[in-house]
N, C-alpha and C. Protein backbone atom coordinates (compact mmCIF):
# COMPACT_ATOMS: atom_id res chain seq x y z
N UNK A 1 -8.86 -6.33 -4.41
CA UNK A 1 -7.97 -5.51 -3.60
C UNK A 1 -8.27 -5.72 -2.13
N UNK A 2 -7.25 -5.97 -1.36
CA UNK A 2 -7.45 -6.29 0.07
C UNK A 2 -8.18 -5.14 0.80
N UNK A 3 -7.83 -3.93 0.52
CA UNK A 3 -8.46 -2.79 1.18
C UNK A 3 -9.98 -2.76 0.90
N UNK A 4 -10.33 -2.99 -0.34
CA UNK A 4 -11.76 -3.01 -0.70
C UNK A 4 -12.53 -4.09 0.07
N UNK A 5 -11.92 -5.29 0.17
CA UNK A 5 -12.59 -6.37 0.86
C UNK A 5 -12.74 -6.00 2.36
N UNK A 6 -11.67 -5.46 2.96
CA UNK A 6 -11.77 -5.07 4.38
C UNK A 6 -12.84 -4.05 4.61
N UNK A 7 -12.91 -3.06 3.73
CA UNK A 7 -13.92 -1.99 3.92
C UNK A 7 -15.32 -2.57 3.75
N UNK A 8 -15.54 -3.33 2.70
CA UNK A 8 -16.90 -3.91 2.46
C UNK A 8 -17.36 -4.80 3.56
N UNK A 9 -16.44 -5.65 4.08
CA UNK A 9 -16.79 -6.60 5.08
C UNK A 9 -16.62 -6.08 6.52
N UNK A 10 -16.05 -4.86 6.61
CA UNK A 10 -15.82 -4.22 7.90
C UNK A 10 -14.94 -5.09 8.83
N UNK A 11 -13.81 -5.51 8.25
CA UNK A 11 -12.86 -6.33 8.98
C UNK A 11 -11.52 -5.65 8.99
N UNK A 12 -10.64 -5.98 9.95
CA UNK A 12 -9.34 -5.35 10.04
C UNK A 12 -8.22 -6.30 9.64
N UNK A 13 -8.54 -7.56 9.52
CA UNK A 13 -7.51 -8.55 9.17
C UNK A 13 -8.01 -9.43 8.06
N UNK A 14 -7.13 -9.81 7.13
CA UNK A 14 -7.48 -10.61 6.01
C UNK A 14 -6.46 -11.75 5.83
N UNK A 15 -6.94 -12.98 5.79
CA UNK A 15 -5.95 -14.07 5.60
C UNK A 15 -5.41 -14.08 4.20
N UNK A 16 -4.14 -14.48 4.09
CA UNK A 16 -3.47 -14.62 2.79
C UNK A 16 -3.29 -16.15 2.59
N UNK A 17 -3.94 -16.70 1.53
CA UNK A 17 -3.97 -18.09 1.32
C UNK A 17 -3.35 -18.41 -0.02
N UNK A 18 -2.51 -19.47 -0.06
CA UNK A 18 -1.88 -19.90 -1.27
C UNK A 18 -2.04 -21.44 -1.33
N UNK A 19 -2.57 -21.90 -2.42
CA UNK A 19 -2.81 -23.35 -2.59
C UNK A 19 -3.55 -23.95 -1.42
N UNK A 20 -4.56 -23.21 -0.91
CA UNK A 20 -5.37 -23.71 0.19
C UNK A 20 -4.71 -23.63 1.58
N UNK A 21 -3.52 -23.08 1.67
CA UNK A 21 -2.81 -22.97 2.93
C UNK A 21 -2.68 -21.53 3.35
N UNK A 22 -2.86 -21.29 4.64
CA UNK A 22 -2.66 -19.93 5.19
C UNK A 22 -1.17 -19.63 5.22
N UNK A 23 -0.80 -18.54 4.51
CA UNK A 23 0.62 -18.18 4.49
C UNK A 23 0.88 -16.86 5.19
N UNK A 24 -0.20 -16.16 5.62
CA UNK A 24 0.00 -14.91 6.32
C UNK A 24 -1.30 -14.20 6.55
N UNK A 25 -1.22 -13.05 7.14
CA UNK A 25 -2.36 -12.20 7.44
C UNK A 25 -2.00 -10.75 7.11
N UNK A 26 -2.86 -10.10 6.37
CA UNK A 26 -2.69 -8.69 6.09
C UNK A 26 -3.62 -7.93 7.02
N UNK A 27 -3.08 -6.90 7.67
CA UNK A 27 -3.90 -6.08 8.56
C UNK A 27 -4.13 -4.70 7.98
N UNK A 28 -5.09 -4.01 8.54
CA UNK A 28 -5.36 -2.64 8.10
C UNK A 28 -4.11 -1.78 8.34
N UNK A 29 -3.40 -2.02 9.43
CA UNK A 29 -2.17 -1.26 9.72
C UNK A 29 -1.13 -1.53 8.65
N UNK A 30 -1.04 -2.76 8.16
CA UNK A 30 -0.07 -3.08 7.06
C UNK A 30 -0.39 -2.21 5.85
N UNK A 31 -1.67 -2.10 5.53
CA UNK A 31 -2.05 -1.31 4.35
C UNK A 31 -1.78 0.15 4.54
N UNK A 32 -2.00 0.66 5.75
CA UNK A 32 -1.71 2.09 6.00
C UNK A 32 -0.22 2.34 5.88
N UNK A 33 0.63 1.48 6.43
CA UNK A 33 2.06 1.63 6.31
C UNK A 33 2.53 1.61 4.86
N UNK A 34 1.95 0.68 4.11
CA UNK A 34 2.28 0.57 2.69
C UNK A 34 1.90 1.85 1.94
N UNK A 35 0.70 2.35 2.23
CA UNK A 35 0.24 3.58 1.57
C UNK A 35 1.18 4.73 1.90
N UNK A 36 1.59 4.85 3.14
CA UNK A 36 2.46 5.96 3.54
C UNK A 36 3.80 5.87 2.77
N UNK A 37 4.34 4.69 2.65
CA UNK A 37 5.60 4.53 1.95
C UNK A 37 5.40 4.82 0.44
N UNK A 38 4.28 4.40 -0.10
CA UNK A 38 3.99 4.67 -1.52
C UNK A 38 3.87 6.17 -1.76
N UNK A 39 3.19 6.89 -0.88
CA UNK A 39 3.02 8.33 -1.05
C UNK A 39 4.39 9.01 -0.92
N UNK A 40 5.24 8.59 0.01
CA UNK A 40 6.59 9.15 0.16
C UNK A 40 7.39 8.96 -1.14
N UNK A 41 7.31 7.78 -1.67
CA UNK A 41 8.02 7.47 -2.91
C UNK A 41 7.59 8.29 -4.09
N UNK A 42 6.27 8.43 -4.20
CA UNK A 42 5.73 9.27 -5.31
C UNK A 42 6.09 10.71 -5.11
N UNK A 43 6.05 11.18 -3.90
CA UNK A 43 6.42 12.58 -3.61
C UNK A 43 7.87 12.84 -3.98
N UNK A 44 8.76 11.90 -3.66
CA UNK A 44 10.18 12.04 -4.01
C UNK A 44 10.32 12.11 -5.56
N UNK A 45 9.58 11.26 -6.30
CA UNK A 45 9.62 11.30 -7.76
C UNK A 45 9.18 12.63 -8.30
N UNK A 46 8.13 13.19 -7.72
CA UNK A 46 7.63 14.47 -8.21
C UNK A 46 8.59 15.58 -7.95
N UNK A 47 9.24 15.59 -6.76
CA UNK A 47 10.21 16.63 -6.41
C UNK A 47 11.42 16.49 -7.37
N UNK A 48 11.87 15.30 -7.58
CA UNK A 48 13.01 15.08 -8.48
C UNK A 48 12.72 15.52 -9.89
N UNK A 49 11.52 15.20 -10.33
CA UNK A 49 11.08 15.58 -11.67
C UNK A 49 11.01 17.11 -11.81
N UNK A 50 10.48 17.76 -10.78
CA UNK A 50 10.36 19.21 -10.76
C UNK A 50 11.73 19.88 -10.81
N UNK A 51 12.67 19.34 -10.04
CA UNK A 51 14.06 19.88 -10.05
C UNK A 51 14.73 19.71 -11.39
N UNK A 52 14.51 18.62 -12.04
CA UNK A 52 15.07 18.39 -13.36
C UNK A 52 14.54 19.40 -14.38
N UNK A 53 13.24 19.69 -14.33
CA UNK A 53 12.71 20.66 -15.26
C UNK A 53 13.23 22.09 -15.00
N UNK A 54 13.35 22.40 -13.74
CA UNK A 54 13.87 23.75 -13.35
C UNK A 54 15.32 23.87 -13.67
N UNK A 55 16.11 22.83 -13.31
CA UNK A 55 17.54 22.87 -13.45
C UNK A 55 17.99 22.60 -14.90
N UNK A 56 17.16 22.04 -15.71
CA UNK A 56 17.51 21.91 -17.09
C UNK A 56 17.87 20.54 -17.49
């Protein structure tokens, strides 16, 4: 997991390599943005699920 590597190595950027070629860079900010969107999506699922149970 990219976040685990960044934490263990105390780095903020991680190269993304495919077939030995650099194809991008993942930053700590990228991971934070992804986490925020993931949490929002899960929250919406929970609210929708709660409304379905209450509404029938």
